Every structure is written in C-alpha cells, then in structure tokens.
Amino acid sequence: MVKIKYEHKNEIKPWMILGNNDWVYLLGTIISILILLFGTIRSFICHKWFSFIYLVIGLLWFIWIVPKFIKVRKTIITKFGSDNWTEEIVFNDYEIIVTEMGSKGVYTTKRQYDEVISYREEKDTIVLKMKELPHIVFPKDAFVIGDLEECKKLIEDKKHGIIG
C-alpha cells in the first residue's frame, strides 16, 4: 500500500463567487470570446484570409474548451467554496482511492489500475493520465506511506495483472 496526503490551495477567493459560479472567470471568458470574434470579423472584412482562418480555429477551440474549465470551477465551488481542501490518495492491492476532504464534506472516488494510460514525472508533481478525466496529479514529496519507487512499481504490477 502507498498513501499520499497533501493540501490543495484553492485559487478561488470568496469575492470571486456569485451563486455557484466564478464571475471573474466567466467575465474574462466572455471578453476573450468577444475579442476573438471581433478579430475574426475584422480579418474577414479586410480579406486577411490567413488571419481569418487562424482566428476562426482559435475561436472554435476556445468555445469547445471553455465549458470544460467552467465545469471544473463550478465543481470546485460546489464542493469546497473558497476553502482549501486536503486530498488523500491510497494505492492499495485492488484500486486507487482518491478522497478529498473540505469544509463542505468528504468526496471519494475509486479508480482501477487498468484505467491508468501513462505516468509522467514533472518537476514537482506526478501525473497519472487516466482513460477518463480527471487525471490523478500529486506532489512528489507528499508520500505518507511508501515512496515514489514503490508507487511506480505498484502501478505497473497492477496494470499488468501481477498480484501480490
């Protein structure tokens, strides 16, 4: 068994919350879409086709990705408000258990080892890319039981069906 525990610093401050939304993020998103839209229309009118195509692609990508970010921010506000929260990740013999503890409650999700697509080591964090979002991300120095090498070995063994 490997266990990781650390505190998340919430970037959403109380003054940013209006209802269940981050109004600062929504306002920034709307302004960004308007700027991209204005640039797209202007490049079309001025017959700057390279700019037009580039801006249309950017606008479509932006419109496609923004709802995902809004959903994440809304989830954080609903679960934790503007408070920090503690995350605990346990790699046991059967599954990966992710428990988030905040002032509004405790949220647990269970993931299977065969959901892990890849493992990436960054400067201060480890990213387990999963088949479906969310990915599992944790600091390298947050191990309470075990260490990074044990964790990597456990993940590889369980992905390949080695029981032990």
N, C-alpha and C. Protein backbone atom coordinates (compact mmCIF):
# COMPACT_ATOMS: atom_id res chain seq x y z
N MET A 1 0.84 -1.18 0.00
CA MET A 1 0.00 0.00 0.00
C MET A 1 0.89 1.25 0.00
N VAL A 2 0.46 2.22 -0.77
CA VAL A 2 1.14 3.51 -0.83
C VAL A 2 0.07 4.58 -0.55
N LYS A 3 0.45 5.56 0.26
CA LYS A 3 -0.51 6.61 0.62
C LYS A 3 0.12 7.99 0.45
N ILE A 4 -0.67 8.89 -0.12
CA ILE A 4 -0.23 10.26 -0.38
C ILE A 4 -1.27 11.19 0.26
N LYS A 5 -0.79 12.24 0.92
CA LYS A 5 -1.72 13.20 1.53
C LYS A 5 -1.11 14.59 1.41
N TYR A 6 -1.92 15.54 0.93
CA TYR A 6 -1.45 16.91 0.78
C TYR A 6 -2.62 17.87 0.75
N GLU A 7 -2.32 19.17 0.91
CA GLU A 7 -3.35 20.19 0.91
C GLU A 7 -3.36 20.94 -0.41
N HIS A 8 -4.57 21.10 -0.96
CA HIS A 8 -4.77 21.90 -2.18
C HIS A 8 -4.98 23.35 -1.76
N LYS A 9 -4.32 24.25 -2.42
CA LYS A 9 -4.57 25.67 -2.22
C LYS A 9 -5.63 26.09 -3.22
N ASN A 10 -6.76 26.56 -2.73
CA ASN A 10 -7.85 26.97 -3.60
C ASN A 10 -7.56 28.35 -4.16
N GLU A 11 -7.56 28.46 -5.47
CA GLU A 11 -7.30 29.74 -6.14
C GLU A 11 -8.55 30.62 -6.19
N ILE A 12 -9.71 30.04 -5.94
CA ILE A 12 -10.95 30.79 -5.99
C ILE A 12 -11.17 31.46 -4.63
N LYS A 13 -11.27 32.76 -4.64
CA LYS A 13 -11.44 33.55 -3.42
C LYS A 13 -12.93 33.85 -3.21
N PRO A 14 -13.33 34.14 -1.97
CA PRO A 14 -14.76 34.39 -1.70
C PRO A 14 -15.38 35.48 -2.58
N TRP A 15 -14.65 36.54 -2.87
CA TRP A 15 -15.20 37.64 -3.66
C TRP A 15 -15.41 37.26 -5.13
N MET A 16 -14.83 36.14 -5.56
CA MET A 16 -14.97 35.70 -6.95
C MET A 16 -16.24 34.87 -7.18
N ILE A 17 -16.91 34.47 -6.10
CA ILE A 17 -18.05 33.56 -6.21
C ILE A 17 -19.36 34.35 -6.21
N LEU A 18 -20.18 34.08 -7.19
CA LEU A 18 -21.52 34.64 -7.28
C LEU A 18 -22.46 33.49 -7.60
N GLY A 19 -23.27 33.08 -6.63
CA GLY A 19 -24.08 31.87 -6.79
C GLY A 19 -23.16 30.67 -6.75
N ASN A 20 -23.22 29.84 -7.77
CA ASN A 20 -22.31 28.70 -7.89
C ASN A 20 -21.33 28.90 -9.03
N ASN A 21 -21.05 30.15 -9.38
CA ASN A 21 -20.16 30.44 -10.50
C ASN A 21 -19.04 31.37 -10.08
N ASP A 22 -17.95 31.28 -10.80
CA ASP A 22 -16.81 32.18 -10.65
C ASP A 22 -17.03 33.31 -11.65
N TRP A 23 -17.60 34.42 -11.20
CA TRP A 23 -17.96 35.51 -12.11
C TRP A 23 -16.75 36.15 -12.76
N VAL A 24 -15.60 36.15 -12.10
CA VAL A 24 -14.38 36.72 -12.69
C VAL A 24 -13.96 35.89 -13.90
N TYR A 25 -13.98 34.59 -13.77
CA TYR A 25 -13.61 33.69 -14.86
C TYR A 25 -14.61 33.81 -16.01
N LEU A 26 -15.90 33.85 -15.68
CA LEU A 26 -16.93 33.98 -16.72
C LEU A 26 -16.79 35.30 -17.47
N LEU A 27 -16.54 36.40 -16.74
CA LEU A 27 -16.36 37.70 -17.38
C LEU A 27 -15.14 37.69 -18.30
N GLY A 28 -14.04 37.13 -17.82
CA GLY A 28 -12.84 37.02 -18.65
C GLY A 28 -13.07 36.20 -19.90
N THR A 29 -13.84 35.12 -19.75
CA THR A 29 -14.17 34.26 -20.89
C THR A 29 -15.01 35.00 -21.92
N ILE A 30 -16.01 35.72 -21.46
CA ILE A 30 -16.87 36.48 -22.37
C ILE A 30 -16.07 37.55 -23.11
N ILE A 31 -15.22 38.26 -22.39
CA ILE A 31 -14.39 39.29 -23.03
C ILE A 31 -13.45 38.67 -24.06
N SER A 32 -12.86 37.53 -23.71
CA SER A 32 -11.96 36.84 -24.65
C SER A 32 -12.68 36.40 -25.91
N ILE A 33 -13.88 35.85 -25.76
CA ILE A 33 -14.65 35.42 -26.92
C ILE A 33 -15.00 36.63 -27.80
N LEU A 34 -15.39 37.74 -27.16
CA LEU A 34 -15.72 38.94 -27.93
C LEU A 34 -14.50 39.47 -28.69
N ILE A 35 -13.34 39.46 -28.07
CA ILE A 35 -12.12 39.91 -28.75
C ILE A 35 -11.80 39.01 -29.94
N LEU A 36 -11.87 37.70 -29.73
CA LEU A 36 -11.62 36.76 -30.84
C LEU A 36 -12.65 36.94 -31.95
N LEU A 37 -13.89 37.13 -31.58
CA LEU A 37 -14.95 37.32 -32.56
C LEU A 37 -14.73 38.62 -33.36
N PHE A 38 -14.38 39.69 -32.67
CA PHE A 38 -14.09 40.96 -33.33
C PHE A 38 -12.93 40.81 -34.31
N GLY A 39 -11.87 40.15 -33.87
CA GLY A 39 -10.72 39.93 -34.75
C GLY A 39 -11.08 39.08 -35.96
N THR A 40 -11.92 38.08 -35.76
CA THR A 40 -12.36 37.22 -36.86
C THR A 40 -13.16 38.01 -37.88
N ILE A 41 -14.12 38.80 -37.41
CA ILE A 41 -14.94 39.61 -38.32
C ILE A 41 -14.08 40.64 -39.05
N ARG A 42 -13.18 41.28 -38.32
CA ARG A 42 -12.32 42.31 -38.94
C ARG A 42 -11.39 41.71 -40.00
N SER A 43 -10.83 40.55 -39.71
CA SER A 43 -9.94 39.93 -40.70
C SER A 43 -10.74 39.47 -41.93
N PHE A 44 -11.99 39.07 -41.74
CA PHE A 44 -12.84 38.70 -42.87
C PHE A 44 -13.15 39.93 -43.74
N ILE A 45 -13.52 41.02 -43.09
CA ILE A 45 -13.85 42.25 -43.82
C ILE A 45 -12.64 42.79 -44.59
N CYS A 46 -11.47 42.68 -43.99
CA CYS A 46 -10.24 43.20 -44.61
C CYS A 46 -9.58 42.18 -45.55
N HIS A 47 -10.22 41.04 -45.75
CA HIS A 47 -9.71 39.98 -46.64
C HIS A 47 -8.32 39.48 -46.24
N LYS A 48 -8.09 39.38 -44.95
CA LYS A 48 -6.84 38.80 -44.44
C LYS A 48 -7.15 37.34 -44.11
N TRP A 49 -7.06 36.51 -45.12
CA TRP A 49 -7.57 35.15 -45.02
C TRP A 49 -6.77 34.28 -44.06
N PHE A 50 -5.46 34.45 -44.03
CA PHE A 50 -4.67 33.65 -43.09
C PHE A 50 -5.09 33.98 -41.66
N SER A 51 -5.21 35.25 -41.35
CA SER A 51 -5.63 35.67 -40.01
C SER A 51 -7.05 35.19 -39.72
N PHE A 52 -7.91 35.27 -40.71
CA PHE A 52 -9.30 34.84 -40.55
C PHE A 52 -9.36 33.36 -40.18
N ILE A 53 -8.67 32.53 -40.93
CA ILE A 53 -8.68 31.09 -40.68
C ILE A 53 -8.07 30.79 -39.30
N TYR A 54 -6.97 31.44 -39.00
CA TYR A 54 -6.30 31.26 -37.72
C TYR A 54 -7.23 31.64 -36.57
N LEU A 55 -7.91 32.76 -36.67
CA LEU A 55 -8.81 33.23 -35.62
C LEU A 55 -10.07 32.37 -35.52
N VAL A 56 -10.60 31.89 -36.64
CA VAL A 56 -11.76 31.01 -36.59
C VAL A 56 -11.41 29.71 -35.86
N ILE A 57 -10.25 29.14 -36.18
CA ILE A 57 -9.81 27.92 -35.49
C ILE A 57 -9.63 28.20 -34.00
N GLY A 58 -9.00 29.33 -33.67
CA GLY A 58 -8.82 29.70 -32.27
C GLY A 58 -10.15 29.89 -31.55
N LEU A 59 -11.08 30.55 -32.19
CA LEU A 59 -12.39 30.80 -31.61
C LEU A 59 -13.15 29.48 -31.37
N LEU A 60 -13.13 28.60 -32.37
CA LEU A 60 -13.80 27.31 -32.22
C LEU A 60 -13.17 26.48 -31.10
N TRP A 61 -11.85 26.47 -31.05
CA TRP A 61 -11.16 25.73 -29.98
C TRP A 61 -11.53 26.32 -28.62
N PHE A 62 -11.52 27.63 -28.53
CA PHE A 62 -11.84 28.32 -27.28
C PHE A 62 -13.26 27.98 -26.84
N ILE A 63 -14.20 28.03 -27.76
CA ILE A 63 -15.61 27.73 -27.45
C ILE A 63 -15.77 26.25 -27.05
N TRP A 64 -14.94 25.38 -27.60
CA TRP A 64 -15.00 23.96 -27.27
C TRP A 64 -14.41 23.68 -25.89
N ILE A 65 -13.30 24.35 -25.52
CA ILE A 65 -12.59 24.04 -24.28
C ILE A 65 -13.15 24.77 -23.06
N VAL A 66 -13.71 25.95 -23.24
CA VAL A 66 -14.18 26.77 -22.12
C VAL A 66 -15.23 26.07 -21.25
N PRO A 67 -16.23 25.39 -21.81
CA PRO A 67 -17.21 24.72 -20.93
C PRO A 67 -16.58 23.71 -19.98
N LYS A 68 -15.50 23.08 -20.40
CA LYS A 68 -14.81 22.12 -19.53
C LYS A 68 -14.21 22.84 -18.32
N PHE A 69 -13.58 23.99 -18.56
CA PHE A 69 -13.00 24.75 -17.46
C PHE A 69 -14.08 25.32 -16.55
N ILE A 70 -15.18 25.77 -17.13
CA ILE A 70 -16.29 26.30 -16.33
C ILE A 70 -16.85 25.19 -15.43
N LYS A 71 -16.96 23.98 -15.98
CA LYS A 71 -17.46 22.85 -15.20
C LYS A 71 -16.53 22.53 -14.02
N VAL A 72 -15.22 22.56 -14.26
CA VAL A 72 -14.25 22.29 -13.20
C VAL A 72 -14.37 23.34 -12.10
N ARG A 73 -14.42 24.61 -12.48
CA ARG A 73 -14.51 25.69 -11.49
C ARG A 73 -15.83 25.62 -10.72
N LYS A 74 -16.90 25.26 -11.40
CA LYS A 74 -18.19 25.13 -10.75
C LYS A 74 -18.17 23.97 -9.75
N THR A 75 -17.51 22.87 -10.12
CA THR A 75 -17.38 21.72 -9.22
C THR A 75 -16.60 22.11 -7.97
N ILE A 76 -15.50 22.84 -8.15
CA ILE A 76 -14.70 23.28 -7.00
C ILE A 76 -15.53 24.17 -6.09
N ILE A 77 -16.27 25.10 -6.67
CA ILE A 77 -17.11 26.00 -5.86
C ILE A 77 -18.18 25.21 -5.12
N THR A 78 -18.81 24.26 -5.79
CA THR A 78 -19.87 23.47 -5.18
C THR A 78 -19.33 22.60 -4.04
N LYS A 79 -18.17 21.97 -4.27
CA LYS A 79 -17.61 21.06 -3.27
C LYS A 79 -16.90 21.80 -2.13
N PHE A 80 -16.11 22.82 -2.48
CA PHE A 80 -15.20 23.40 -1.49
C PHE A 80 -15.38 24.89 -1.26
N GLY A 81 -16.18 25.56 -2.08
CA GLY A 81 -16.30 27.01 -1.95
C GLY A 81 -14.97 27.67 -2.24
N SER A 82 -14.52 28.49 -1.32
CA SER A 82 -13.22 29.13 -1.49
C SER A 82 -12.20 28.61 -0.48
N ASP A 83 -12.54 27.54 0.20
CA ASP A 83 -11.65 26.97 1.21
C ASP A 83 -10.61 26.05 0.58
N ASN A 84 -9.48 25.90 1.25
CA ASN A 84 -8.50 24.89 0.85
C ASN A 84 -9.07 23.52 1.22
N TRP A 85 -8.55 22.47 0.59
CA TRP A 85 -9.01 21.14 0.93
C TRP A 85 -7.84 20.17 0.92
N THR A 86 -8.02 19.06 1.61
CA THR A 86 -6.99 18.03 1.71
C THR A 86 -7.34 16.88 0.79
N GLU A 87 -6.34 16.39 0.09
CA GLU A 87 -6.55 15.23 -0.78
C GLU A 87 -5.69 14.09 -0.29
N GLU A 88 -6.30 12.91 -0.25
CA GLU A 88 -5.59 11.71 0.17
C GLU A 88 -5.76 10.67 -0.93
N ILE A 89 -4.65 10.10 -1.38
CA ILE A 89 -4.68 9.08 -2.44
C ILE A 89 -4.07 7.81 -1.88
N VAL A 90 -4.83 6.72 -1.94
CA VAL A 90 -4.36 5.44 -1.44
C VAL A 90 -4.29 4.46 -2.60
N PHE A 91 -3.12 3.90 -2.83
CA PHE A 91 -2.92 2.84 -3.82
C PHE A 91 -2.88 1.54 -3.04
N ASN A 92 -3.99 0.78 -3.06
CA ASN A 92 -3.99 -0.49 -2.34
C ASN A 92 -3.89 -1.64 -3.34
N ASP A 93 -4.14 -2.85 -2.90
CA ASP A 93 -4.00 -4.02 -3.78
C ASP A 93 -5.08 -4.11 -4.85
N TYR A 94 -6.19 -3.38 -4.70
CA TYR A 94 -7.31 -3.55 -5.60
C TYR A 94 -7.63 -2.33 -6.46
N GLU A 95 -7.39 -1.14 -5.91
CA GLU A 95 -7.81 0.07 -6.62
C GLU A 95 -7.07 1.29 -6.09
N ILE A 96 -7.31 2.41 -6.75
CA ILE A 96 -6.77 3.69 -6.32
C ILE A 96 -7.95 4.48 -5.74
N ILE A 97 -7.83 4.87 -4.48
CA ILE A 97 -8.91 5.58 -3.79
C ILE A 97 -8.47 7.03 -3.57
N VAL A 98 -9.24 7.96 -4.15
CA VAL A 98 -8.94 9.38 -4.02
C VAL A 98 -10.01 9.99 -3.13
N THR A 99 -9.59 10.55 -2.00
CA THR A 99 -10.53 11.15 -1.05
C THR A 99 -10.17 12.62 -0.88
N GLU A 100 -11.15 13.49 -1.13
CA GLU A 100 -10.96 14.93 -0.95
C GLU A 100 -11.80 15.36 0.24
N MET A 101 -11.15 16.05 1.19
CA MET A 101 -11.82 16.47 2.42
C MET A 101 -11.81 17.99 2.49
N GLY A 102 -12.99 18.57 2.48
CA GLY A 102 -13.12 20.02 2.56
C GLY A 102 -14.12 20.41 3.62
N SER A 103 -14.34 21.70 3.78
CA SER A 103 -15.26 22.18 4.81
C SER A 103 -16.71 21.84 4.48
N LYS A 104 -17.00 21.53 3.21
CA LYS A 104 -18.38 21.21 2.81
C LYS A 104 -18.64 19.70 2.75
N GLY A 105 -17.64 18.87 3.05
CA GLY A 105 -17.86 17.43 3.04
C GLY A 105 -16.64 16.65 2.56
N VAL A 106 -16.83 15.34 2.46
CA VAL A 106 -15.79 14.42 2.02
C VAL A 106 -16.26 13.77 0.73
N TYR A 107 -15.39 13.73 -0.28
CA TYR A 107 -15.73 13.18 -1.59
C TYR A 107 -14.72 12.11 -1.94
N THR A 108 -15.21 10.90 -2.21
CA THR A 108 -14.33 9.78 -2.52
C THR A 108 -14.64 9.23 -3.90
N THR A 109 -13.58 8.99 -4.66
CA THR A 109 -13.72 8.31 -5.95
C THR A 109 -12.76 7.14 -5.98
N LYS A 110 -13.16 6.09 -6.65
CA LYS A 110 -12.32 4.89 -6.77
C LYS A 110 -12.00 4.67 -8.23
N ARG A 111 -10.73 4.45 -8.50
CA ARG A 111 -10.27 4.21 -9.87
C ARG A 111 -9.54 2.86 -9.93
N GLN A 112 -9.64 2.20 -11.06
CA GLN A 112 -8.98 0.92 -11.26
C GLN A 112 -7.61 1.13 -11.89
N TYR A 113 -6.69 0.22 -11.64
CA TYR A 113 -5.34 0.35 -12.19
C TYR A 113 -5.32 0.26 -13.71
N ASP A 114 -6.26 -0.48 -14.29
CA ASP A 114 -6.26 -0.59 -15.74
C ASP A 114 -6.74 0.69 -16.43
N GLU A 115 -7.21 1.68 -15.65
CA GLU A 115 -7.58 2.98 -16.20
C GLU A 115 -6.36 3.87 -16.45
N VAL A 116 -5.23 3.51 -15.86
CA VAL A 116 -4.02 4.32 -16.00
C VAL A 116 -3.43 4.11 -17.39
N ILE A 117 -3.36 5.20 -18.15
CA ILE A 117 -2.80 5.13 -19.50
C ILE A 117 -1.29 5.35 -19.47
N SER A 118 -0.89 6.38 -18.75
CA SER A 118 0.55 6.68 -18.68
C SER A 118 0.88 7.37 -17.37
N TYR A 119 2.16 7.42 -17.13
CA TYR A 119 2.71 8.01 -15.93
C TYR A 119 3.72 9.05 -16.37
N ARG A 120 3.60 10.27 -15.84
CA ARG A 120 4.54 11.33 -16.24
C ARG A 120 5.08 12.02 -14.99
N GLU A 121 6.38 12.18 -14.96
CA GLU A 121 7.03 12.85 -13.85
C GLU A 121 7.39 14.26 -14.30
N GLU A 122 6.91 15.25 -13.57
CA GLU A 122 7.24 16.64 -13.86
C GLU A 122 8.16 17.15 -12.76
N LYS A 123 8.44 18.43 -12.76
CA LYS A 123 9.39 18.99 -11.80
C LYS A 123 9.05 18.61 -10.36
N ASP A 124 7.85 18.97 -9.91
CA ASP A 124 7.45 18.72 -8.52
C ASP A 124 6.27 17.79 -8.38
N THR A 125 5.71 17.33 -9.49
CA THR A 125 4.50 16.53 -9.44
C THR A 125 4.58 15.25 -10.28
N ILE A 126 3.65 14.37 -9.98
CA ILE A 126 3.46 13.14 -10.74
C ILE A 126 2.07 13.23 -11.36
N VAL A 127 1.95 12.88 -12.62
CA VAL A 127 0.66 12.89 -13.30
C VAL A 127 0.36 11.48 -13.78
N LEU A 128 -0.75 10.93 -13.30
CA LEU A 128 -1.24 9.66 -13.82
C LEU A 128 -2.35 9.99 -14.80
N LYS A 129 -2.07 9.80 -16.07
CA LYS A 129 -3.08 10.07 -17.09
C LYS A 129 -4.03 8.88 -17.12
N MET A 130 -5.32 9.19 -16.94
CA MET A 130 -6.33 8.15 -16.87
C MET A 130 -7.12 8.09 -18.19
N LYS A 131 -7.81 6.98 -18.42
CA LYS A 131 -8.62 6.84 -19.63
C LYS A 131 -9.69 7.91 -19.69
N GLU A 132 -10.27 8.24 -18.55
CA GLU A 132 -11.29 9.29 -18.47
C GLU A 132 -10.86 10.30 -17.41
N LEU A 133 -11.25 11.55 -17.63
CA LEU A 133 -10.93 12.61 -16.68
C LEU A 133 -11.66 12.38 -15.37
N PRO A 134 -11.17 12.84 -14.27
CA PRO A 134 -9.95 13.62 -14.11
C PRO A 134 -8.72 12.72 -13.99
N HIS A 135 -7.58 13.27 -14.39
CA HIS A 135 -6.31 12.58 -14.19
C HIS A 135 -5.94 12.70 -12.71
N ILE A 136 -5.04 11.88 -12.26
CA ILE A 136 -4.60 11.94 -10.87
C ILE A 136 -3.25 12.64 -10.83
N VAL A 137 -3.20 13.75 -10.11
CA VAL A 137 -1.98 14.56 -10.02
C VAL A 137 -1.65 14.74 -8.55
N PHE A 138 -0.38 14.53 -8.19
CA PHE A 138 0.01 14.71 -6.80
C PHE A 138 1.48 15.11 -6.71
N PRO A 139 1.85 15.81 -5.61
CA PRO A 139 3.24 16.23 -5.43
C PRO A 139 4.16 15.04 -5.14
N LYS A 140 5.39 15.14 -5.59
CA LYS A 140 6.36 14.07 -5.36
C LYS A 140 6.69 13.87 -3.88
N ASP A 141 6.62 14.96 -3.13
CA ASP A 141 7.04 14.90 -1.73
C ASP A 141 5.88 14.68 -0.74
N ALA A 142 4.74 14.20 -1.21
CA ALA A 142 3.56 14.07 -0.35
C ALA A 142 3.32 12.64 0.15
N PHE A 143 4.29 11.75 0.00
CA PHE A 143 4.09 10.36 0.42
C PHE A 143 4.09 10.25 1.94
N VAL A 144 3.05 9.60 2.47
CA VAL A 144 2.93 9.36 3.90
C VAL A 144 3.34 7.93 4.20
N ILE A 145 2.93 7.01 3.34
CA ILE A 145 3.33 5.60 3.43
C ILE A 145 3.94 5.23 2.08
N GLY A 146 5.12 4.66 2.10
CA GLY A 146 5.80 4.28 0.87
C GLY A 146 6.52 5.46 0.24
N ASP A 147 7.00 5.23 -0.98
CA ASP A 147 7.71 6.30 -1.69
C ASP A 147 7.39 6.21 -3.19
N LEU A 148 8.02 7.08 -3.94
CA LEU A 148 7.74 7.18 -5.37
C LEU A 148 8.04 5.87 -6.10
N GLU A 149 9.14 5.24 -5.79
CA GLU A 149 9.52 3.99 -6.47
C GLU A 149 8.51 2.87 -6.17
N GLU A 150 8.08 2.77 -4.93
CA GLU A 150 7.06 1.76 -4.58
C GLU A 150 5.76 2.02 -5.33
N CYS A 151 5.41 3.30 -5.43
CA CYS A 151 4.18 3.68 -6.14
C CYS A 151 4.26 3.28 -7.61
N LYS A 152 5.37 3.61 -8.28
CA LYS A 152 5.54 3.25 -9.69
C LYS A 152 5.46 1.74 -9.89
N LYS A 153 6.14 1.01 -9.01
CA LYS A 153 6.16 -0.46 -9.12
C LYS A 153 4.75 -1.03 -8.91
N LEU A 154 4.03 -0.52 -7.93
CA LEU A 154 2.67 -0.99 -7.65
C LEU A 154 1.76 -0.74 -8.85
N ILE A 155 1.85 0.44 -9.43
CA ILE A 155 1.01 0.77 -10.59
C ILE A 155 1.33 -0.16 -11.76
N GLU A 156 2.60 -0.34 -12.05
CA GLU A 156 2.99 -1.22 -13.16
C GLU A 156 2.56 -2.66 -12.91
N ASP A 157 2.78 -3.16 -11.69
CA ASP A 157 2.39 -4.53 -11.37
C ASP A 157 0.88 -4.73 -11.52
N LYS A 158 0.10 -3.79 -11.02
CA LYS A 158 -1.36 -3.92 -11.08
C LYS A 158 -1.88 -3.74 -12.50
N LYS A 159 -1.24 -2.88 -13.28
CA LYS A 159 -1.67 -2.71 -14.67
C LYS A 159 -1.46 -3.99 -15.48
N HIS A 160 -0.41 -4.71 -15.14
CA HIS A 160 -0.08 -5.92 -15.89
C HIS A 160 -0.61 -7.18 -15.21
N GLY A 161 -1.45 -7.01 -14.17
CA GLY A 161 -2.12 -8.13 -13.55
C GLY A 161 -1.27 -8.94 -12.58
N ILE A 162 -0.16 -8.40 -12.10
CA ILE A 162 0.67 -9.12 -11.14
C ILE A 162 0.04 -8.94 -9.77
N ILE A 163 -0.29 -10.04 -9.13
CA ILE A 163 -0.96 -10.00 -7.83
C ILE A 163 0.09 -10.15 -6.75
N GLY A 164 -0.05 -9.33 -5.68
CA GLY A 164 0.93 -9.50 -4.63
C GLY A 164 0.70 -8.62 -3.55
